[in-house]
Protein backbone atom coordinates (compact mmCIF):
# COMPACT_ATOMS: atom_id res chain seq x y z
CA UNK A 1 0.03 -0.03 -0.01
CA UNK A 2 1.28 3.47 -0.76
CA UNK A 3 0.89 6.47 1.50
CA UNK A 4 -1.53 8.14 -0.95
CA UNK A 5 -3.92 5.32 -1.63
CA UNK A 6 -4.77 2.26 0.55
CA UNK A 7 -6.08 -0.96 -0.59
CA UNK A 8 -9.90 -1.75 -0.89
CA UNK A 9 -10.93 -5.38 -0.22
CA UNK A 10 -14.59 -6.28 -0.34
CA UNK A 11 -16.16 -9.56 0.88
CA UNK A 12 -19.20 -10.80 -1.19
CA UNK A 13 -21.49 -13.78 -1.14
CA UNK A 14 -24.93 -14.76 -0.73
CA UNK A 15 -26.61 -14.36 2.79
CA UNK A 16 -25.27 -16.99 5.03
CA UNK A 17 -21.88 -17.47 3.11
CA UNK A 18 -19.82 -16.43 6.14
CA UNK A 19 -18.61 -13.13 5.01
CA UNK A 20 -19.00 -11.24 8.29
CA UNK A 21 -17.08 -13.96 10.34
CA UNK A 22 -14.33 -14.18 7.73
CA UNK A 23 -13.92 -10.45 7.63
CA UNK A 24 -13.69 -10.27 11.43
CA UNK A 25 -11.01 -13.10 11.48
CA UNK A 26 -8.90 -11.20 8.84
CA UNK A 27 -9.28 -7.90 10.55
CA UNK A 28 -8.04 -9.41 13.98
CA UNK A 29 -5.11 -11.22 12.24
CA UNK A 30 -3.92 -8.23 10.43
CA UNK A 31 -4.39 -5.77 13.14
CA UNK A 32 -2.03 -8.03 15.32
CA UNK A 33 0.54 -7.61 12.51
CA UNK A 34 0.23 -3.86 12.94
CA UNK A 35 -1.55 -3.14 9.67
CA UNK A 36 -3.40 0.13 9.63
CA UNK A 37 -6.97 -0.90 8.60
CA UNK A 38 -10.58 -0.06 8.75
CA UNK A 39 -13.40 -2.50 8.81
CA UNK A 40 -16.86 -1.53 7.68
CA UNK A 41 -20.00 -2.88 5.90
CA UNK A 42 -22.83 -1.91 3.56
CA UNK A 43 -25.53 -1.00 4.05
CA UNK A 44 -24.11 0.99 6.93
CA UNK A 45 -20.76 2.27 7.73
CA UNK A 46 -22.19 5.64 8.84
CA UNK A 47 -24.86 6.73 11.25
CA UNK A 48 -26.95 7.59 8.30
CA UNK A 49 -26.17 4.23 6.51
CA UNK A 50 -27.22 2.36 9.64
CA UNK A 51 -30.63 4.24 9.66
CA UNK A 52 -31.05 3.23 5.95
CA UNK A 53 -29.99 -0.35 6.73
CA UNK A 54 -33.00 -0.76 9.06
CA UNK A 55 -35.30 0.63 6.47
CA UNK A 56 -33.88 -1.67 3.87
CA UNK A 57 -33.48 -5.02 5.64
CA UNK A 58 -36.32 -4.83 8.13
CA UNK A 59 -39.30 -7.00 7.31
CA UNK A 60 -41.92 -4.41 7.71
CA UNK A 61 -41.21 -2.40 4.29
CA UNK A 62 -41.97 -3.57 0.78
CA UNK A 63 -39.66 -1.60 -1.37
CA UNK A 64 -39.95 -1.72 -5.12
CA UNK A 65 -36.79 -2.72 -6.86
CA UNK A 66 -35.97 0.89 -8.00
CA UNK A 67 -36.70 2.28 -4.65
CA UNK A 68 -34.33 -0.36 -2.98
CA UNK A 69 -31.68 0.55 -5.41
CA UNK A 70 -31.90 4.17 -4.69
CA UNK A 71 -31.68 3.52 -0.94
CA UNK A 72 -28.68 1.41 -1.41
CA UNK A 73 -26.92 4.17 -3.37
CA UNK A 74 -27.99 6.78 -0.85
CA UNK A 75 -26.32 4.80 1.93
CA UNK A 76 -23.17 4.18 -0.41
CA UNK A 77 -22.89 7.82 -1.23
CA UNK A 78 -22.55 8.72 2.38
CA UNK A 79 -20.27 5.80 3.08
CA UNK A 80 -17.93 6.59 0.37
CA UNK A 81 -17.50 10.27 0.92
CA UNK A 82 -17.38 10.07 4.66
CA UNK A 83 -15.55 6.79 5.41
CA UNK A 84 -14.09 4.98 2.42
CA UNK A 85 -12.28 7.59 0.50
CA UNK A 86 -10.78 9.18 3.66
CA UNK A 87 -9.41 5.96 4.89
CA UNK A 88 -8.03 5.08 1.48
CA UNK A 89 -6.59 8.53 1.29
CA UNK A 90 -4.79 7.85 4.54
CA UNK A 91 -3.27 4.68 3.03
CA UNK A 92 -5.29 2.29 5.13
CA UNK A 93 -6.35 -1.18 4.28
CA UNK A 94 -10.18 -1.10 3.98
CA UNK A 95 -12.08 -4.22 4.64
CA UNK A 96 -15.84 -3.98 3.60
CA UNK A 97 -18.69 -6.34 4.07
CA UNK A 98 -20.52 -5.96 0.68
CA UNK A 99 -20.23 -3.23 -1.94
CA UNK A 100 -21.21 -2.75 -5.69
CA UNK A 101 -21.00 -6.47 -6.33
CA UNK A 102 -23.92 -7.08 -4.05
CA UNK A 103 -25.90 -4.39 -5.88
CA UNK A 104 -25.26 -6.01 -9.21
CA UNK A 105 -26.22 -9.42 -7.64
CA UNK A 106 -29.22 -8.55 -5.52
CA UNK A 107 -30.88 -5.61 -7.23
CA UNK A 108 -29.44 -6.47 -10.60
CA UNK A 109 -29.76 -10.27 -11.13
CA UNK A 110 -32.20 -10.86 -8.21
CA UNK A 111 -34.69 -8.06 -8.98
CA UNK A 112 -33.98 -7.77 -12.72
CA UNK A 113 -32.54 -4.17 -12.91
CA UNK A 114 -30.16 -3.80 -15.78
CA UNK A 115 -26.39 -3.48 -15.09
CA UNK A 116 -26.20 -0.17 -17.06
CA UNK A 117 -28.58 1.58 -14.73
CA UNK A 118 -26.84 0.14 -11.72
CA UNK A 119 -23.34 1.15 -12.94
CA UNK A 120 -24.65 4.68 -13.92
CA UNK A 121 -25.91 5.23 -10.34
CA UNK A 122 -22.68 3.89 -8.98
CA UNK A 123 -20.74 6.63 -10.84
CA UNK A 124 -22.78 9.17 -9.10
CA UNK A 125 -22.99 7.58 -5.66
CA UNK A 126 -19.47 6.33 -5.34
CA UNK A 127 -17.53 8.31 -7.97
CA UNK A 128 -17.09 4.93 -9.71
CA UNK A 129 -15.09 3.44 -6.82
CA UNK A 130 -14.32 -0.16 -7.36
CA UNK A 131 -12.55 -2.71 -5.00
CA UNK A 132 -8.89 -3.62 -5.51
CA UNK A 133 -9.91 -7.19 -4.51
CA UNK A 134 -13.07 -8.95 -4.04
CA UNK A 135 -13.14 -12.20 -2.02
CA UNK A 136 -16.15 -14.14 -3.05
CA UNK A 137 -17.35 -16.79 -0.61
CA UNK A 138 -19.36 -19.20 -2.67
CA UNK A 139 -21.84 -21.57 -1.31
CA UNK A 140 -24.96 -23.19 -2.37
CA UNK A 141 -27.83 -20.93 -1.72
CA UNK A 142 -30.02 -23.55 0.03
CA UNK A 143 -27.22 -24.23 2.58
CA UNK A 144 -26.36 -20.51 2.90
CA UNK A 145 -30.04 -19.45 3.55
CA UNK A 146 -30.48 -22.07 6.19
CA UNK A 147 -27.35 -20.73 7.88
CA UNK A 148 -28.55 -17.23 7.66
CA UNK A 149 -32.06 -17.98 8.96
CA UNK A 150 -30.40 -19.72 12.08
CA UNK A 151 -28.34 -16.71 12.69
CA UNK A 152 -31.17 -14.33 12.47
CA UNK A 153 -33.37 -16.48 14.91
CA UNK A 154 -30.35 -16.88 17.36
CA UNK A 155 -29.82 -13.04 17.42
CA UNK A 156 -33.59 -12.12 17.31
CA UNK A 157 -32.75 -9.86 14.34
CA UNK A 158 -35.42 -8.45 12.13
CA UNK A 159 -32.97 -8.03 9.12
CA UNK A 160 -34.35 -11.09 7.24
CA UNK A 161 -36.15 -9.43 4.25
CA UNK A 162 -33.81 -11.12 1.77
CA UNK A 163 -33.79 -14.43 3.52
CA UNK A 164 -37.49 -14.39 3.16
CA UNK A 165 -37.28 -14.48 -0.70
CA UNK A 166 -37.34 -17.83 -2.64
CA UNK A 167 -34.29 -19.93 -3.48
CA UNK A 168 -34.54 -19.02 -7.15
CA UNK A 169 -33.83 -15.35 -6.26
CA UNK A 170 -30.72 -16.49 -4.18
CA UNK A 171 -29.61 -18.71 -7.17
CA UNK A 172 -29.69 -15.68 -9.37
CA UNK A 173 -27.69 -13.75 -6.91
CA UNK A 174 -25.01 -16.48 -6.68
CA UNK A 175 -24.83 -16.81 -10.45
CA UNK A 176 -24.30 -13.00 -10.72
CA UNK A 177 -21.39 -13.15 -8.25
CA UNK A 178 -19.73 -16.05 -10.07
CA UNK A 179 -20.26 -14.12 -13.52
CA UNK A 180 -18.62 -11.07 -11.97
CA UNK A 181 -15.65 -12.96 -10.85
CA UNK A 182 -15.43 -14.75 -14.24
CA UNK A 183 -15.53 -11.35 -16.12
CA UNK A 184 -12.75 -9.81 -13.76
CA UNK A 185 -10.61 -12.85 -12.49
CA UNK A 186 -7.54 -10.80 -11.54
CA UNK A 187 -9.66 -8.79 -9.16
CA UNK A 188 -11.51 -11.67 -7.50
CA UNK A 189 -10.74 -14.69 -5.38
CA UNK A 190 -13.44 -17.26 -5.30
CA UNK A 191 -13.52 -19.60 -2.24
CA UNK A 192 -15.61 -22.69 -1.46
CA UNK A 193 -17.45 -21.56 1.49
CA UNK A 194 -19.01 -24.91 2.18
CA UNK A 195 -15.92 -26.01 3.71
CA UNK A 196 -15.21 -25.60 7.58
CA UNK A 197 -15.00 -21.88 8.55
CA UNK A 198 -11.44 -22.07 9.78
CA UNK A 199 -10.14 -23.23 6.43
CA UNK A 200 -12.19 -20.64 4.53
CA UNK A 201 -10.79 -17.90 6.77
CA UNK A 202 -7.25 -19.18 6.38
CA UNK A 203 -7.58 -19.16 2.62
CA UNK A 204 -9.14 -15.74 2.55
CA UNK A 205 -6.40 -14.27 4.68
CA UNK A 206 -3.71 -15.95 2.53
CA UNK A 207 -5.33 -14.45 -0.61
CA UNK A 208 -5.46 -11.01 0.92
CA UNK A 209 -1.84 -11.20 2.05
CA UNK A 210 -0.73 -12.20 -1.38
CA UNK A 211 -2.72 -9.40 -3.07
CA UNK A 212 -1.11 -6.86 -0.63
CA UNK A 213 2.39 -8.25 -1.22
CA UNK A 214 1.85 -7.99 -5.01
CA UNK A 215 0.58 -4.42 -4.58
CA UNK A 216 3.90 -3.50 -2.79
């Protein structure tokens, strides 16, 4: 990483793929190594983003696909301007749970909104900021959704709006993630997230370390 621009690593995957736990493991390991880093997530990352997250993921609202897309981008605009660009400008490693890849997968493939519209809004909301590396945790949606529903029930969370959607929706989301990785293989690492969590975490950490080393 240079002093002028950090490194932006995003963790993607269907709900229940293990992104959040993997990111937390990597954050802890690299912090022990003395790496200057910031861990964040979308939607969220700012006070305003957290408020929008509750609106987006809570089960009491029925957003149209276009309304959902605009809310996602409103949260992202705030996140990019207030958190991501300042941290990258300080030369930090930024670890983010979801970013534009999820928008292309969920609002795009899942809800049928065209990529061109999503990319055009991304230029406005994020100044066309894209990850340096995306770590995709790939797992069969049926297994992933079961995991995610168990987690939501255990934590009494009301953020289950996407988990309530049918498996065909989640299959479209998974296919989009894999297609994105295939189109930009040098910027993606795809890991089999059906394996034990410790193995997935170790592979993700090794992949990020290799990317940071190559970056210099």
